[in-house]
Structure formats: structure tokens, C-alpha cells
Amino acid sequence: MGMNCRNCVAGVAHCHGTLIQHHGHRPECTEPDCDNPELILHSLVIDCDAVGCDCAQQTEERLAV
């Protein structure tokens, strides 16, 4: 017996990936098939700093110039 996703079974729009929120940039999803990186569709959301992204630093540097 396999495990079934409750949202898949119910036909609810959702994504199994993790949404990565960037500072001042569009969010991205870890699922390659996800074409709609909206917060409401993702159960797992993390800040890009958690994956070593330096976009916050880049944004600060751009604003300082």
C-alpha cells in the first residue's frame, strides 16, 4: 500500500516542492515541473539565505551605489 497525497487525491492545486523566497526577486520552486511559484500552492517555504543564496547582499550593494 503506497502513501497518497491528500491534495492529489482531492484534486486540489498544490506543489510538492519547496518555495524559495528571494529578496527582491521572483520566488523559485525546487520542483522542475512547477510553473507557478505562488506562496499559496506550497506547504514548504524557506528564505533563500537557508540555501546559501547571496541575493540579499547583492541587493544591498546595488542600493549603496
PDB file of N, CA and C in Angstrom:
ATOM      1  N   MET A   1       0.841  -1.168   0.000  1.00  0.00           N
ATOM      2  CA  MET A   1       0.000   0.000   0.000  1.00  0.00           C
ATOM      3  C   MET A   1       0.893   1.240   0.000  1.00  0.00           C
ATOM      4  N   GLY A   2       0.706   2.093  -0.985  1.00  0.00           N
ATOM      5  CA  GLY A   2       1.511   3.304  -1.081  1.00  0.00           C
ATOM      6  C   GLY A   2       0.842   4.470  -0.373  1.00  0.00           C
ATOM      7  N   MET A   3       1.638   5.493  -0.106  1.00  0.00           N
ATOM      8  CA  MET A   3       1.093   6.697   0.525  1.00  0.00           C
ATOM      9  C   MET A   3       0.566   7.624  -0.560  1.00  0.00           C
ATOM     10  N   ASN A   4      -0.596   8.201  -0.336  1.00  0.00           N
ATOM     11  CA  ASN A   4      -1.171   9.137  -1.282  1.00  0.00           C
ATOM     12  C   ASN A   4      -1.236  10.523  -0.673  1.00  0.00           C
ATOM     13  N   CYS A   5      -0.944  11.511  -1.480  1.00  0.00           N
ATOM     14  CA  CYS A   5      -1.039  12.894  -1.042  1.00  0.00           C
ATOM     15  C   CYS A   5      -2.520  13.267  -0.959  1.00  0.00           C
ATOM     16  N   ARG A   6      -2.912  13.811   0.157  1.00  0.00           N
ATOM     17  CA  ARG A   6      -4.312  14.196   0.381  1.00  0.00           C
ATOM     18  C   ARG A   6      -4.773  15.207  -0.662  1.00  0.00           C
ATOM     19  N   ASN A   7      -3.911  16.171  -1.011  1.00  0.00           N
ATOM     20  CA  ASN A   7      -4.284  17.173  -2.005  1.00  0.00           C
ATOM     21  C   ASN A   7      -4.374  16.582  -3.411  1.00  0.00           C
ATOM     22  N   CYS A   8      -3.499  15.635  -3.732  1.00  0.00           N
ATOM     23  CA  CYS A   8      -3.570  14.968  -5.032  1.00  0.00           C
ATOM     24  C   CYS A   8      -4.885  14.197  -5.158  1.00  0.00           C
ATOM     25  N   VAL A   9      -5.221  13.455  -4.123  1.00  0.00           N
ATOM     26  CA  VAL A   9      -6.453  12.661  -4.125  1.00  0.00           C
ATOM     27  C   VAL A   9      -7.672  13.568  -4.264  1.00  0.00           C
ATOM     28  N   ALA A  10      -7.652  14.730  -3.594  1.00  0.00           N
ATOM     29  CA  ALA A  10      -8.785  15.659  -3.620  1.00  0.00           C
ATOM     30  C   ALA A  10      -8.802  16.535  -4.873  1.00  0.00           C
ATOM     31  N   GLY A  11      -7.732  16.509  -5.662  1.00  0.00           N
ATOM     32  CA  GLY A  11      -7.667  17.329  -6.868  1.00  0.00           C
ATOM     33  C   GLY A  11      -7.418  18.804  -6.579  1.00  0.00           C
ATOM     34  N   VAL A  12      -6.799  19.095  -5.439  1.00  0.00           N
ATOM     35  CA  VAL A  12      -6.507  20.474  -5.043  1.00  0.00           C
ATOM     36  C   VAL A  12      -5.189  20.921  -5.675  1.00  0.00           C
ATOM     37  N   ALA A  13      -5.169  22.145  -6.216  1.00  0.00           N
ATOM     38  CA  ALA A  13      -3.941  22.685  -6.805  1.00  0.00           C
ATOM     39  C   ALA A  13      -2.896  22.872  -5.712  1.00  0.00           C
ATOM     40  N   HIS A  14      -1.722  22.298  -5.926  1.00  0.00           N
ATOM     41  CA  HIS A  14      -0.634  22.390  -4.953  1.00  0.00           C
ATOM     42  C   HIS A  14       0.665  21.952  -5.604  1.00  0.00           C
ATOM     43  N   CYS A  15       1.760  22.103  -4.875  1.00  0.00           N
ATOM     44  CA  CYS A  15       3.066  21.671  -5.369  1.00  0.00           C
ATOM     45  C   CYS A  15       3.783  20.928  -4.255  1.00  0.00           C
ATOM     46  N   HIS A  16       4.521  19.894  -4.613  1.00  0.00           N
ATOM     47  CA  HIS A  16       5.269  19.095  -3.647  1.00  0.00           C
ATOM     48  C   HIS A  16       6.667  19.653  -3.395  1.00  0.00           C
ATOM     49  N   GLY A  17       7.042  20.678  -4.127  1.00  0.00           N
ATOM     50  CA  GLY A  17       8.370  21.265  -3.963  1.00  0.00           C
ATOM     51  C   GLY A  17       8.427  22.277  -2.836  1.00  0.00           C
ATOM     52  N   THR A  18       9.605  22.826  -2.629  1.00  0.00           N
ATOM     53  CA  THR A  18       9.828  23.869  -1.638  1.00  0.00           C
ATOM     54  C   THR A  18       9.965  25.195  -2.357  1.00  0.00           C
ATOM     55  N   LEU A  19       9.231  26.190  -1.903  1.00  0.00           N
ATOM     56  CA  LEU A  19       9.309  27.522  -2.489  1.00  0.00           C
ATOM     57  C   LEU A  19      10.440  28.277  -1.810  1.00  0.00           C
ATOM     58  N   ILE A  20      11.343  28.830  -2.601  1.00  0.00           N
ATOM     59  CA  ILE A  20      12.468  29.599  -2.071  1.00  0.00           C
ATOM     60  C   ILE A  20      12.177  31.076  -2.321  1.00  0.00           C
ATOM     61  N   GLN A  21      12.029  31.829  -1.231  1.00  0.00           N
ATOM     62  CA  GLN A  21      11.745  33.263  -1.314  1.00  0.00           C
ATOM     63  C   GLN A  21      13.055  34.022  -1.423  1.00  0.00           C
ATOM     64  N   HIS A  22      13.186  34.834  -2.482  1.00  0.00           N
ATOM     65  CA  HIS A  22      14.375  35.659  -2.687  1.00  0.00           C
ATOM     66  C   HIS A  22      14.079  37.102  -2.298  1.00  0.00           C
ATOM     67  N   HIS A  23      15.108  37.844  -1.941  1.00  0.00           N
ATOM     68  CA  HIS A  23      14.983  39.251  -1.562  1.00  0.00           C
ATOM     69  C   HIS A  23      14.899  40.106  -2.826  1.00  0.00           C
ATOM     70  N   GLY A  24      13.731  40.617  -3.104  1.00  0.00           N
ATOM     71  CA  GLY A  24      13.570  41.498  -4.255  1.00  0.00           C
ATOM     72  C   GLY A  24      13.546  40.795  -5.594  1.00  0.00           C
ATOM     73  N   HIS A  25      13.457  39.484  -5.604  1.00  0.00           N
ATOM     74  CA  HIS A  25      13.411  38.714  -6.852  1.00  0.00           C
ATOM     75  C   HIS A  25      12.238  37.750  -6.795  1.00  0.00           C
ATOM     76  N   ARG A  26      11.892  37.219  -7.930  1.00  0.00           N
ATOM     77  CA  ARG A  26      10.798  36.263  -8.019  1.00  0.00           C
ATOM     78  C   ARG A  26      11.141  34.981  -7.255  1.00  0.00           C
ATOM     79  N   PRO A  27      10.179  34.426  -6.526  1.00  0.00           N
ATOM     80  CA  PRO A  27      10.440  33.162  -5.840  1.00  0.00           C
ATOM     81  C   PRO A  27      10.659  32.033  -6.839  1.00  0.00           C
ATOM     82  N   GLU A  28      11.340  30.987  -6.394  1.00  0.00           N
ATOM     83  CA  GLU A  28      11.542  29.826  -7.255  1.00  0.00           C
ATOM     84  C   GLU A  28      11.201  28.564  -6.483  1.00  0.00           C
ATOM     85  N   CYS A  29      10.849  27.520  -7.220  1.00  0.00           N
ATOM     86  CA  CYS A  29      10.463  26.255  -6.615  1.00  0.00           C
ATOM     87  C   CYS A  29      11.509  25.197  -6.936  1.00  0.00           C
ATOM     88  N   THR A  30      11.676  24.252  -6.022  1.00  0.00           N
ATOM     89  CA  THR A  30      12.646  23.179  -6.224  1.00  0.00           C
ATOM     90  C   THR A  30      12.135  22.106  -7.172  1.00  0.00           C
ATOM     91  N   GLU A  31      10.848  22.098  -7.472  1.00  0.00           N
ATOM     92  CA  GLU A  31      10.285  21.129  -8.416  1.00  0.00           C
ATOM     93  C   GLU A  31      10.467  21.648  -9.836  1.00  0.00           C
ATOM     94  N   PRO A  32      11.117  20.906 -10.701  1.00  0.00           N
ATOM     95  CA  PRO A  32      11.340  21.381 -12.065  1.00  0.00           C
ATOM     96  C   PRO A  32      10.048  21.578 -12.863  1.00  0.00           C
ATOM     97  N   ASP A  33       8.994  20.866 -12.523  1.00  0.00           N
ATOM     98  CA  ASP A  33       7.732  20.984 -13.252  1.00  0.00           C
ATOM     99  C   ASP A  33       6.830  22.092 -12.731  1.00  0.00           C
ATOM    100  N   CYS A  34       7.211  22.764 -11.666  1.00  0.00           N
ATOM    101  CA  CYS A  34       6.378  23.820 -11.081  1.00  0.00           C
ATOM    102  C   CYS A  34       6.509  25.076 -11.936  1.00  0.00           C
ATOM    103  N   ASP A  35       5.395  25.491 -12.515  1.00  0.00           N
ATOM    104  CA  ASP A  35       5.421  26.691 -13.344  1.00  0.00           C
ATOM    105  C   ASP A  35       4.657  27.848 -12.697  1.00  0.00           C
ATOM    106  N   ASN A  36       4.282  27.683 -11.436  1.00  0.00           N
ATOM    107  CA  ASN A  36       3.506  28.702 -10.741  1.00  0.00           C
ATOM    108  C   ASN A  36       4.023  28.880  -9.314  1.00  0.00           C
ATOM    109  N   PRO A  37       5.141  29.588  -9.144  1.00  0.00           N
ATOM    110  CA  PRO A  37       5.725  29.712  -7.809  1.00  0.00           C
ATOM    111  C   PRO A  37       4.972  30.699  -6.913  1.00  0.00           C
ATOM    112  N   GLU A  38       3.753  30.341  -6.532  1.00  0.00           N
ATOM    113  CA  GLU A  38       2.959  31.168  -5.630  1.00  0.00           C
ATOM    114  C   GLU A  38       2.981  30.570  -4.233  1.00  0.00           C
ATOM    115  N   LEU A  39       2.979  31.421  -3.251  1.00  0.00           N
ATOM    116  CA  LEU A  39       3.038  31.002  -1.850  1.00  0.00           C
ATOM    117  C   LEU A  39       1.903  30.061  -1.486  1.00  0.00           C
ATOM    118  N   ILE A  40       0.715  30.340  -1.942  1.00  0.00           N
ATOM    119  CA  ILE A  40      -0.467  29.571  -1.551  1.00  0.00           C
ATOM    120  C   ILE A  40      -0.403  28.108  -2.010  1.00  0.00           C
ATOM    121  N   LEU A  41       0.343  27.811  -3.056  1.00  0.00           N
ATOM    122  CA  LEU A  41       0.412  26.453  -3.590  1.00  0.00           C
ATOM    123  C   LEU A  41       1.470  25.588  -2.915  1.00  0.00           C
ATOM    124  N   HIS A  42       2.287  26.162  -2.061  1.00  0.00           N
ATOM    125  CA  HIS A  42       3.403  25.445  -1.461  1.00  0.00           C
ATOM    126  C   HIS A  42       3.266  25.325   0.057  1.00  0.00           C
ATOM    127  N   SER A  43       3.434  24.120   0.569  1.00  0.00           N
ATOM    128  CA  SER A  43       3.396  23.905   2.016  1.00  0.00           C
ATOM    129  C   SER A  43       4.736  24.243   2.645  1.00  0.00           C
ATOM    130  N   LEU A  44       5.790  24.082   1.879  1.00  0.00           N
ATOM    131  CA  LEU A  44       7.144  24.330   2.385  1.00  0.00           C
ATOM    132  C   LEU A  44       7.701  25.590   1.739  1.00  0.00           C
ATOM    133  N   VAL A  45       8.041  26.581   2.574  1.00  0.00           N
ATOM    134  CA  VAL A  45       8.572  27.853   2.091  1.00  0.00           C
ATOM    135  C   VAL A  45       9.779  28.200   2.952  1.00  0.00           C
ATOM    136  N   ILE A  46      10.895  28.530   2.295  1.00  0.00           N
ATOM    137  CA  ILE A  46      12.102  28.915   3.026  1.00  0.00           C
ATOM    138  C   ILE A  46      12.667  30.204   2.450  1.00  0.00           C
ATOM    139  N   ASP A  47      13.467  30.879   3.246  1.00  0.00           N
ATOM    140  CA  ASP A  47      14.171  32.065   2.800  1.00  0.00           C
ATOM    141  C   ASP A  47      15.419  31.613   2.039  1.00  0.00           C
ATOM    142  N   CYS A  48      15.798  32.345   1.031  1.00  0.00           N
ATOM    143  CA  CYS A  48      16.935  31.934   0.198  1.00  0.00           C
ATOM    144  C   CYS A  48      18.249  31.882   0.974  1.00  0.00           C
ATOM    145  N   ASP A  49      18.342  32.615   2.072  1.00  0.00           N
ATOM    146  CA  ASP A  49      19.550  32.553   2.906  1.00  0.00           C
ATOM    147  C   ASP A  49      19.811  31.136   3.406  1.00  0.00           C
ATOM    148  N   ALA A  50      18.735  30.355   3.580  1.00  0.00           N
ATOM    149  CA  ALA A  50      18.861  28.988   4.088  1.00  0.00           C
ATOM    150  C   ALA A  50      19.580  28.072   3.107  1.00  0.00           C
ATOM    151  N   VAL A  51      19.600  28.439   1.823  1.00  0.00           N
ATOM    152  CA  VAL A  51      20.274  27.609   0.826  1.00  0.00           C
ATOM    153  C   VAL A  51      21.550  28.269   0.304  1.00  0.00           C
ATOM    154  N   GLY A  52      22.008  29.312   1.012  1.00  0.00           N
ATOM    155  CA  GLY A  52      23.278  29.933   0.665  1.00  0.00           C
ATOM    156  C   GLY A  52      23.213  30.958  -0.446  1.00  0.00           C
ATOM    157  N   CYS A  53      22.043  31.455  -0.764  1.00  0.00           N
ATOM    158  CA  CYS A  53      21.902  32.472  -1.813  1.00  0.00           C
ATOM    159  C   CYS A  53      22.378  33.815  -1.256  1.00  0.00           C
ATOM    160  N   ASP A  54      23.020  34.599  -2.086  1.00  0.00           N
ATOM    161  CA  ASP A  54      23.517  35.893  -1.623  1.00  0.00           C
ATOM    162  C   ASP A  54      22.778  37.063  -2.268  1.00  0.00           C
ATOM    163  N   CYS A  55      21.539  36.853  -2.707  1.00  0.00           N
ATOM    164  CA  CYS A  55      20.816  37.929  -3.388  1.00  0.00           C
ATOM    165  C   CYS A  55      20.518  39.098  -2.450  1.00  0.00           C
ATOM    166  N   ALA A  56      20.366  38.869  -1.158  1.00  0.00           N
ATOM    167  CA  ALA A  56      20.140  39.969  -0.209  1.00  0.00           C
ATOM    168  C   ALA A  56      21.372  40.873  -0.185  1.00  0.00           C
ATOM    169  N   GLN A  57      22.542  40.275  -0.176  1.00  0.00           N
ATOM    170  CA  GLN A  57      23.791  41.043  -0.188  1.00  0.00           C
ATOM    171  C   GLN A  57      23.928  41.819  -1.492  1.00  0.00           C
ATOM    172  N   GLN A  58      23.595  41.190  -2.606  1.00  0.00           N
ATOM    173  CA  GLN A  58      23.664  41.857  -3.913  1.00  0.00           C
ATOM    174  C   GLN A  58      22.718  43.045  -3.976  1.00  0.00           C
ATOM    175  N   THR A  59      21.509  42.886  -3.409  1.00  0.00           N
ATOM    176  CA  THR A  59      20.538  43.967  -3.402  1.00  0.00           C
ATOM    177  C   THR A  59      21.052  45.142  -2.571  1.00  0.00           C
ATOM    178  N   GLU A  60      21.625  44.867  -1.407  1.00  0.00           N
ATOM    179  CA  GLU A  60      22.179  45.915  -0.560  1.00  0.00           C
ATOM    180  C   GLU A  60      23.314  46.654  -1.272  1.00  0.00           C
ATOM    181  N   GLU A  61      24.169  45.920  -1.986  1.00  0.00           N
ATOM    182  CA  GLU A  61      25.287  46.527  -2.700  1.00  0.00           C
ATOM    183  C   GLU A  61      24.788  47.430  -3.827  1.00  0.00           C
ATOM    184  N   ARG A  62      23.738  46.987  -4.526  1.00  0.00           N
ATOM    185  CA  ARG A  62      23.169  47.791  -5.606  1.00  0.00           C
ATOM    186  C   ARG A  62      22.564  49.085  -5.080  1.00  0.00           C
ATOM    187  N   LEU A  63      21.909  49.015  -3.928  1.00  0.00           N
ATOM    188  CA  LEU A  63      21.286  50.202  -3.353  1.00  0.00           C
ATOM    189  C   LEU A  63      22.321  51.171  -2.810  1.00  0.00           C
ATOM    190  N   ALA A  64      23.490  50.676  -2.423  1.00  0.00           N
ATOM    191  CA  ALA A  64      24.544  51.516  -1.867  1.00  0.00           C
ATOM    192  C   ALA A  64      25.249  52.345  -2.937  1.00  0.00           C
ATOM    193  N   VAL A  65      25.141  51.940  -4.184  1.00  0.00           N
ATOM    194  CA  VAL A  65      25.860  52.636  -5.267  1.00  0.00           C
ATOM    195  C   VAL A  65      25.149  53.881  -5.687  1.00  0.00           C
TER     196      VAL A  65
END
